Every structure is written in structure tokens, then in C-alpha cells.
Amino acid sequence: MIRTLNLHLLLVSTDHADFFRQIAKLKGVGLGVLCDQINKNNHDWIDRVFDDEGWRIEDLKHDFVGLLKADEHFLPRI
């Protein structure tokens, strides 16, 4: 729960919050639901997001979209 909330707060605090909200809208759910989905399936990725400050917003956007697709060949940047 805390990880989901932290991810949600991180996404909406960026200058690209509308990007993340638009993805949620296209999927017909709230952004919190998508954050929860990512949290359930990608604990290690969330740890890296909060432990490493060296990523760029483009990396975050790339990974967020890729992780939601659940493609077994997807390689996250973070």
C-alpha cells in the first residue's frame, strides 16, 4: 500500500503528471489502480526508482508503459 501511494505521489508530482493520468484514462481506471498493478508485479523496479536518483523522466515514462504491457521481452531502463 505504501509503495503504491509513493509511486502515485511521485508520478503526479512530475511535470509529466498528465502523461500518466492519460494512460490511466485510456485504460479506464484511476492512476492509483495502475500504480497498484505495477507494485504487485514489479517490487524490484519500484525499489530501484526510489533508491536510485540517476534516472530521467523519459526512463520513468518508458518503464511505466512497458511494465503495464507485461511483455516478457520488455527491458526497463531503471
PDB file of N, CA and C in Angstrom:
ATOM      1  N   MET A   1       0.823  -1.201   0.000  1.00  0.00           N
ATOM      2  CA  MET A   1       0.000   0.000   0.000  1.00  0.00           C
ATOM      3  C   MET A   1       0.864   1.260   0.000  1.00  0.00           C
ATOM      4  N   ILE A   2       1.883   1.283   0.860  1.00  0.00           N
ATOM      5  CA  ILE A   2       2.755   2.455   0.937  1.00  0.00           C
ATOM      6  C   ILE A   2       3.516   2.643  -0.366  1.00  0.00           C
ATOM      7  N   ARG A   3       3.995   1.543  -0.933  1.00  0.00           N
ATOM      8  CA  ARG A   3       4.731   1.638  -2.200  1.00  0.00           C
ATOM      9  C   ARG A   3       3.832   2.181  -3.306  1.00  0.00           C
ATOM     10  N   THR A   4       2.599   1.707  -3.345  1.00  0.00           N
ATOM     11  CA  THR A   4       1.650   2.194  -4.349  1.00  0.00           C
ATOM     12  C   THR A   4       1.419   3.686  -4.185  1.00  0.00           C
ATOM     13  N   LEU A   5       1.200   4.113  -2.967  1.00  0.00           N
ATOM     14  CA  LEU A   5       0.977   5.532  -2.696  1.00  0.00           C
ATOM     15  C   LEU A   5       2.202   6.358  -3.049  1.00  0.00           C
ATOM     16  N   ASN A   6       3.380   5.879  -2.683  1.00  0.00           N
ATOM     17  CA  ASN A   6       4.609   6.611  -3.000  1.00  0.00           C
ATOM     18  C   ASN A   6       4.807   6.751  -4.502  1.00  0.00           C
ATOM     19  N   LEU A   7       4.547   5.668  -5.246  1.00  0.00           N
ATOM     20  CA  LEU A   7       4.672   5.734  -6.699  1.00  0.00           C
ATOM     21  C   LEU A   7       3.660   6.721  -7.270  1.00  0.00           C
ATOM     22  N   HIS A   8       2.440   6.656  -6.792  1.00  0.00           N
ATOM     23  CA  HIS A   8       1.399   7.575  -7.261  1.00  0.00           C
ATOM     24  C   HIS A   8       1.808   9.026  -6.992  1.00  0.00           C
ATOM     25  N   LEU A   9       2.274   9.303  -5.794  1.00  0.00           N
ATOM     26  CA  LEU A   9       2.689  10.665  -5.446  1.00  0.00           C
ATOM     27  C   LEU A   9       3.866  11.122  -6.294  1.00  0.00           C
ATOM     28  N   LEU A  10       4.789  10.227  -6.574  1.00  0.00           N
ATOM     29  CA  LEU A  10       5.919  10.574  -7.430  1.00  0.00           C
ATOM     30  C   LEU A  10       5.440  10.956  -8.822  1.00  0.00           C
ATOM     31  N   LEU A  11       4.557  10.161  -9.397  1.00  0.00           N
ATOM     32  CA  LEU A  11       4.090  10.405 -10.762  1.00  0.00           C
ATOM     33  C   LEU A  11       3.324  11.717 -10.878  1.00  0.00           C
ATOM     34  N   VAL A  12       2.470  12.001  -9.914  1.00  0.00           N
ATOM     35  CA  VAL A  12       1.675  13.225 -10.017  1.00  0.00           C
ATOM     36  C   VAL A  12       2.480  14.466  -9.637  1.00  0.00           C
ATOM     37  N   SER A  13       3.657  14.282  -9.054  1.00  0.00           N
ATOM     38  CA  SER A  13       4.477  15.438  -8.686  1.00  0.00           C
ATOM     39  C   SER A  13       5.419  15.864  -9.815  1.00  0.00           C
ATOM     40  N   THR A  14       5.445  15.110 -10.899  1.00  0.00           N
ATOM     41  CA  THR A  14       6.322  15.459 -12.020  1.00  0.00           C
ATOM     42  C   THR A  14       5.614  16.441 -12.950  1.00  0.00           C
ATOM     43  N   ASP A  15       6.396  17.047 -13.817  1.00  0.00           N
ATOM     44  CA  ASP A  15       5.826  17.920 -14.850  1.00  0.00           C
ATOM     45  C   ASP A  15       5.068  17.112 -15.904  1.00  0.00           C
ATOM     46  N   HIS A  16       5.192  15.809 -15.833  1.00  0.00           N
ATOM     47  CA  HIS A  16       4.560  14.910 -16.810  1.00  0.00           C
ATOM     48  C   HIS A  16       3.371  14.164 -16.219  1.00  0.00           C
ATOM     49  N   ALA A  17       2.785  14.694 -15.169  1.00  0.00           N
ATOM     50  CA  ALA A  17       1.663  14.030 -14.499  1.00  0.00           C
ATOM     51  C   ALA A  17       0.519  13.748 -15.469  1.00  0.00           C
ATOM     52  N   ASP A  18       0.263  14.667 -16.390  1.00  0.00           N
ATOM     53  CA  ASP A  18      -0.823  14.464 -17.350  1.00  0.00           C
ATOM     54  C   ASP A  18      -0.590  13.245 -18.235  1.00  0.00           C
ATOM     55  N   PHE A  19       0.665  12.966 -18.548  1.00  0.00           N
ATOM     56  CA  PHE A  19       1.011  11.781 -19.333  1.00  0.00           C
ATOM     57  C   PHE A  19       0.530  10.523 -18.613  1.00  0.00           C
ATOM     58  N   PHE A  20       0.842  10.424 -17.330  1.00  0.00           N
ATOM     59  CA  PHE A  20       0.471   9.244 -16.551  1.00  0.00           C
ATOM     60  C   PHE A  20      -1.037   9.172 -16.348  1.00  0.00           C
ATOM     61  N   ARG A  21      -1.670  10.302 -16.141  1.00  0.00           N
ATOM     62  CA  ARG A  21      -3.134  10.322 -15.990  1.00  0.00           C
ATOM     63  C   ARG A  21      -3.827   9.909 -17.287  1.00  0.00           C
ATOM     64  N   GLN A  22      -3.259  10.319 -18.418  1.00  0.00           N
ATOM     65  CA  GLN A  22      -3.846   9.970 -19.717  1.00  0.00           C
ATOM     66  C   GLN A  22      -3.786   8.458 -19.949  1.00  0.00           C
ATOM     67  N   ILE A  23      -2.695   7.834 -19.567  1.00  0.00           N
ATOM     68  CA  ILE A  23      -2.592   6.377 -19.697  1.00  0.00           C
ATOM     69  C   ILE A  23      -3.687   5.710 -18.871  1.00  0.00           C
ATOM     70  N   ALA A  24      -3.863   6.173 -17.652  1.00  0.00           N
ATOM     71  CA  ALA A  24      -4.909   5.610 -16.788  1.00  0.00           C
ATOM     72  C   ALA A  24      -6.290   5.812 -17.410  1.00  0.00           C
ATOM     73  N   LYS A  25      -6.517   6.992 -17.938  1.00  0.00           N
ATOM     74  CA  LYS A  25      -7.814   7.293 -18.551  1.00  0.00           C
ATOM     75  C   LYS A  25      -8.062   6.376 -19.751  1.00  0.00           C
ATOM     76  N   LEU A  26      -7.043   6.155 -20.567  1.00  0.00           N
ATOM     77  CA  LEU A  26      -7.190   5.279 -21.731  1.00  0.00           C
ATOM     78  C   LEU A  26      -7.504   3.841 -21.319  1.00  0.00           C
ATOM     79  N   LYS A  27      -7.019   3.437 -20.164  1.00  0.00           N
ATOM     80  CA  LYS A  27      -7.287   2.087 -19.658  1.00  0.00           C
ATOM     81  C   LYS A  27      -8.579   2.027 -18.850  1.00  0.00           C
ATOM     82  N   GLY A  28      -9.199   3.191 -18.613  1.00  0.00           N
ATOM     83  CA  GLY A  28     -10.480   3.226 -17.918  1.00  0.00           C
ATOM     84  C   GLY A  28     -10.388   3.034 -16.417  1.00  0.00           C
ATOM     85  N   VAL A  29      -9.237   3.358 -15.845  1.00  0.00           N
ATOM     86  CA  VAL A  29      -9.049   3.222 -14.398  1.00  0.00           C
ATOM     87  C   VAL A  29      -8.338   4.465 -13.870  1.00  0.00           C
ATOM     88  N   GLY A  30      -8.240   4.560 -12.569  1.00  0.00           N
ATOM     89  CA  GLY A  30      -7.505   5.653 -11.972  1.00  0.00           C
ATOM     90  C   GLY A  30      -6.015   5.366 -11.962  1.00  0.00           C
ATOM     91  N   LEU A  31      -5.223   6.406 -11.826  1.00  0.00           N
ATOM     92  CA  LEU A  31      -3.774   6.252 -11.794  1.00  0.00           C
ATOM     93  C   LEU A  31      -3.343   5.385 -10.612  1.00  0.00           C
ATOM     94  N   GLY A  32      -4.030   5.504  -9.492  1.00  0.00           N
ATOM     95  CA  GLY A  32      -3.711   4.682  -8.329  1.00  0.00           C
ATOM     96  C   GLY A  32      -3.848   3.196  -8.610  1.00  0.00           C
ATOM     97  N   VAL A  33      -4.817   2.829  -9.425  1.00  0.00           N
ATOM     98  CA  VAL A  33      -5.021   1.424  -9.794  1.00  0.00           C
ATOM     99  C   VAL A  33      -3.831   0.926 -10.613  1.00  0.00           C
ATOM    100  N   LEU A  34      -3.352   1.745 -11.526  1.00  0.00           N
ATOM    101  CA  LEU A  34      -2.185   1.346 -12.326  1.00  0.00           C
ATOM    102  C   LEU A  34      -0.938   1.238 -11.456  1.00  0.00           C
ATOM    103  N   CYS A  35      -0.783   2.153 -10.525  1.00  0.00           N
ATOM    104  CA  CYS A  35       0.355   2.101  -9.600  1.00  0.00           C
ATOM    105  C   CYS A  35       0.297   0.827  -8.766  1.00  0.00           C
ATOM    106  N   ASP A  36      -0.893   0.453  -8.340  1.00  0.00           N
ATOM    107  CA  ASP A  36      -1.057  -0.772  -7.567  1.00  0.00           C
ATOM    108  C   ASP A  36      -0.706  -1.992  -8.404  1.00  0.00           C
ATOM    109  N   GLN A  37      -1.113  -1.980  -9.649  1.00  0.00           N
ATOM    110  CA  GLN A  37      -0.802  -3.089 -10.557  1.00  0.00           C
ATOM    111  C   GLN A  37       0.712  -3.226 -10.717  1.00  0.00           C
ATOM    112  N   ILE A  38       1.397  -2.127 -10.924  1.00  0.00           N
ATOM    113  CA  ILE A  38       2.851  -2.165 -11.073  1.00  0.00           C
ATOM    114  C   ILE A  38       3.498  -2.617  -9.769  1.00  0.00           C
ATOM    115  N   ASN A  39       2.995  -2.137  -8.654  1.00  0.00           N
ATOM    116  CA  ASN A  39       3.539  -2.528  -7.357  1.00  0.00           C
ATOM    117  C   ASN A  39       3.434  -4.037  -7.132  1.00  0.00           C
ATOM    118  N   LYS A  40       2.314  -4.609  -7.484  1.00  0.00           N
ATOM    119  CA  LYS A  40       2.099  -6.046  -7.258  1.00  0.00           C
ATOM    120  C   LYS A  40       3.038  -6.913  -8.082  1.00  0.00           C
ATOM    121  N   ASN A  41       3.399  -6.439  -9.268  1.00  0.00           N
ATOM    122  CA  ASN A  41       4.172  -7.264 -10.194  1.00  0.00           C
ATOM    123  C   ASN A  41       5.641  -6.874 -10.328  1.00  0.00           C
ATOM    124  N   ASN A  42       6.048  -5.736  -9.746  1.00  0.00           N
ATOM    125  CA  ASN A  42       7.393  -5.214 -10.017  1.00  0.00           C
ATOM    126  C   ASN A  42       8.025  -4.555  -8.801  1.00  0.00           C
ATOM    127  N   HIS A  43       8.094  -5.283  -7.690  1.00  0.00           N
ATOM    128  CA  HIS A  43       8.670  -4.729  -6.467  1.00  0.00           C
ATOM    129  C   HIS A  43      10.095  -4.231  -6.664  1.00  0.00           C
ATOM    130  N   ASP A  44      10.900  -5.005  -7.384  1.00  0.00           N
ATOM    131  CA  ASP A  44      12.301  -4.621  -7.580  1.00  0.00           C
ATOM    132  C   ASP A  44      12.422  -3.313  -8.346  1.00  0.00           C
ATOM    133  N   TRP A  45      11.572  -3.128  -9.330  1.00  0.00           N
ATOM    134  CA  TRP A  45      11.613  -1.894 -10.106  1.00  0.00           C
ATOM    135  C   TRP A  45      11.272  -0.697  -9.230  1.00  0.00           C
ATOM    136  N   ILE A  46      10.250  -0.815  -8.417  1.00  0.00           N
ATOM    137  CA  ILE A  46       9.872   0.290  -7.529  1.00  0.00           C
ATOM    138  C   ILE A  46      11.011   0.600  -6.559  1.00  0.00           C
ATOM    139  N   ASP A  47      11.663  -0.431  -6.049  1.00  0.00           N
ATOM    140  CA  ASP A  47      12.815  -0.203  -5.175  1.00  0.00           C
ATOM    141  C   ASP A  47      13.890   0.600  -5.894  1.00  0.00           C
ATOM    142  N   ARG A  48      14.165   0.246  -7.138  1.00  0.00           N
ATOM    143  CA  ARG A  48      15.195   0.974  -7.902  1.00  0.00           C
ATOM    144  C   ARG A  48      14.785   2.420  -8.153  1.00  0.00           C
ATOM    145  N   VAL A  49      13.514   2.653  -8.405  1.00  0.00           N
ATOM    146  CA  VAL A  49      13.041   4.021  -8.637  1.00  0.00           C
ATOM    147  C   VAL A  49      13.330   4.903  -7.419  1.00  0.00           C
ATOM    148  N   PHE A  50      13.070   4.369  -6.230  1.00  0.00           N
ATOM    149  CA  PHE A  50      13.229   5.177  -5.025  1.00  0.00           C
ATOM    150  C   PHE A  50      14.641   5.139  -4.448  1.00  0.00           C
ATOM    151  N   ASP A  51      15.437   4.138  -4.827  1.00  0.00           N
ATOM    152  CA  ASP A  51      16.799   4.045  -4.313  1.00  0.00           C
ATOM    153  C   ASP A  51      17.819   4.763  -5.188  1.00  0.00           C
ATOM    154  N   ASP A  52      17.523   4.891  -6.470  1.00  0.00           N
ATOM    155  CA  ASP A  52      18.469   5.485  -7.421  1.00  0.00           C
ATOM    156  C   ASP A  52      17.906   6.790  -7.945  1.00  0.00           C
ATOM    157  N   GLU A  53      18.627   7.855  -7.776  1.00  0.00           N
ATOM    158  CA  GLU A  53      18.166   9.162  -8.247  1.00  0.00           C
ATOM    159  C   GLU A  53      18.707   9.501  -9.630  1.00  0.00           C
ATOM    160  N   GLY A  54      19.396   8.574 -10.275  1.00  0.00           N
ATOM    161  CA  GLY A  54      20.041   8.845 -11.548  1.00  0.00           C
ATOM    162  C   GLY A  54      19.166   8.669 -12.771  1.00  0.00           C
ATOM    163  N   TRP A  55      17.903   8.347 -12.597  1.00  0.00           N
ATOM    164  CA  TRP A  55      17.054   8.128 -13.767  1.00  0.00           C
ATOM    165  C   TRP A  55      16.467   9.449 -14.271  1.00  0.00           C
ATOM    166  N   ARG A  56      16.065   9.427 -15.525  1.00  0.00           N
ATOM    167  CA  ARG A  56      15.428  10.586 -16.157  1.00  0.00           C
ATOM    168  C   ARG A  56      13.924  10.336 -16.269  1.00  0.00           C
ATOM    169  N   ILE A  57      13.172  11.392 -16.428  1.00  0.00           N
ATOM    170  CA  ILE A  57      11.712  11.261 -16.540  1.00  0.00           C
ATOM    171  C   ILE A  57      11.347  10.408 -17.760  1.00  0.00           C
ATOM    172  N   GLU A  58      12.136  10.495 -18.817  1.00  0.00           N
ATOM    173  CA  GLU A  58      11.866   9.677 -20.004  1.00  0.00           C
ATOM    174  C   GLU A  58      12.003   8.197 -19.669  1.00  0.00           C
ATOM    175  N   ASP A  59      12.958   7.863 -18.783  1.00  0.00           N
ATOM    176  CA  ASP A  59      13.129   6.476 -18.351  1.00  0.00           C
ATOM    177  C   ASP A  59      11.904   6.013 -17.557  1.00  0.00           C
ATOM    178  N   LEU A  60      11.426   6.874 -16.691  1.00  0.00           N
ATOM    179  CA  LEU A  60      10.258   6.548 -15.880  1.00  0.00           C
ATOM    180  C   LEU A  60       9.033   6.316 -16.765  1.00  0.00           C
ATOM    181  N   LYS A  61       8.830   7.185 -17.738  1.00  0.00           N
ATOM    182  CA  LYS A  61       7.697   7.045 -18.648  1.00  0.00           C
ATOM    183  C   LYS A  61       7.811   5.750 -19.459  1.00  0.00           C
ATOM    184  N   HIS A  62       8.995   5.490 -19.988  1.00  0.00           N
ATOM    185  CA  HIS A  62       9.251   4.278 -20.775  1.00  0.00           C
ATOM    186  C   HIS A  62       8.939   3.032 -19.955  1.00  0.00           C
ATOM    187  N   ASP A  63       9.463   2.990 -18.748  1.00  0.00           N
ATOM    188  CA  ASP A  63       9.268   1.817 -17.903  1.00  0.00           C
ATOM    189  C   ASP A  63       7.821   1.646 -17.477  1.00  0.00           C
ATOM    190  N   PHE A  64       7.166   2.730 -17.123  1.00  0.00           N
ATOM    191  CA  PHE A  64       5.778   2.671 -16.676  1.00  0.00           C
ATOM    192  C   PHE A  64       4.903   2.039 -17.754  1.00  0.00           C
ATOM    193  N   VAL A  65       5.041   2.525 -18.973  1.00  0.00           N
ATOM    194  CA  VAL A  65       4.244   1.999 -20.087  1.00  0.00           C
ATOM    195  C   VAL A  65       4.617   0.542 -20.361  1.00  0.00           C
ATOM    196  N   GLY A  66       5.896   0.248 -20.387  1.00  0.00           N
ATOM    197  CA  GLY A  66       6.347  -1.108 -20.673  1.00  0.00           C
ATOM    198  C   GLY A  66       5.925  -2.117 -19.620  1.00  0.00           C
ATOM    199  N   LEU A  67       5.999  -1.722 -18.355  1.00  0.00           N
ATOM    200  CA  LEU A  67       5.603  -2.632 -17.282  1.00  0.00           C
ATOM    201  C   LEU A  67       4.104  -2.918 -17.310  1.00  0.00           C
ATOM    202  N   LEU A  68       3.325  -1.938 -17.699  1.00  0.00           N
ATOM    203  CA  LEU A  68       1.878  -2.159 -17.794  1.00  0.00           C
ATOM    204  C   LEU A  68       1.524  -3.144 -18.899  1.00  0.00           C
ATOM    205  N   LYS A  69       2.329  -3.180 -19.950  1.00  0.00           N
ATOM    206  CA  LYS A  69       2.076  -4.122 -21.048  1.00  0.00           C
ATOM    207  C   LYS A  69       2.399  -5.553 -20.647  1.00  0.00           C
ATOM    208  N   ALA A  70       3.221  -5.717 -19.614  1.00  0.00           N
ATOM    209  CA  ALA A  70       3.603  -7.044 -19.111  1.00  0.00           C
ATOM    210  C   ALA A  70       4.194  -7.918 -20.212  1.00  0.00           C
ATOM    211  N   ASP A  71       4.964  -7.312 -21.090  1.00  0.00           N
ATOM    212  CA  ASP A  71       5.653  -8.030 -22.161  1.00  0.00           C
ATOM    213  C   ASP A  71       6.887  -8.705 -21.577  1.00  0.00           C
ATOM    214  N   GLU A  72       7.012 -10.010 -21.754  1.00  0.00           N
ATOM    215  CA  GLU A  72       8.125 -10.738 -21.158  1.00  0.00           C
ATOM    216  C   GLU A  72       9.469 -10.327 -21.750  1.00  0.00           C
ATOM    217  N   HIS A  73       9.483  -9.648 -22.879  1.00  0.00           N
ATOM    218  CA  HIS A  73      10.721  -9.211 -23.524  1.00  0.00           C
ATOM    219  C   HIS A  73      11.082  -7.759 -23.200  1.00  0.00           C
ATOM    220  N   PHE A  74      10.239  -7.103 -22.430  1.00  0.00           N
ATOM    221  CA  PHE A  74      10.471  -5.707 -22.087  1.00  0.00           C
ATOM    222  C   PHE A  74      11.673  -5.568 -21.143  1.00  0.00           C
ATOM    223  N   LEU A  75      12.539  -4.609 -21.444  1.00  0.00           N
ATOM    224  CA  LEU A  75      13.695  -4.325 -20.594  1.00  0.00           C
ATOM    225  C   LEU A  75      13.564  -2.919 -20.023  1.00  0.00           C
ATOM    226  N   PRO A  76      13.331  -2.802 -18.720  1.00  0.00           N
ATOM    227  CA  PRO A  76      13.212  -1.479 -18.106  1.00  0.00           C
ATOM    228  C   PRO A  76      14.554  -0.752 -18.120  1.00  0.00           C
ATOM    229  N   ARG A  77      14.498   0.556 -18.183  1.00  0.00           N
ATOM    230  CA  ARG A  77      15.702   1.381 -18.151  1.00  0.00           C
ATOM    231  C   ARG A  77      16.162   1.644 -16.728  1.00  0.00           C
ATOM    232  N   ILE A  78      15.229   1.628 -15.809  1.00  0.00           N
ATOM    233  CA  ILE A  78      15.564   1.891 -14.393  1.00  0.00           C
ATOM    234  C   ILE A  78      15.797   0.551 -13.705  1.00  0.00           C
TER     235      ILE A  78
END
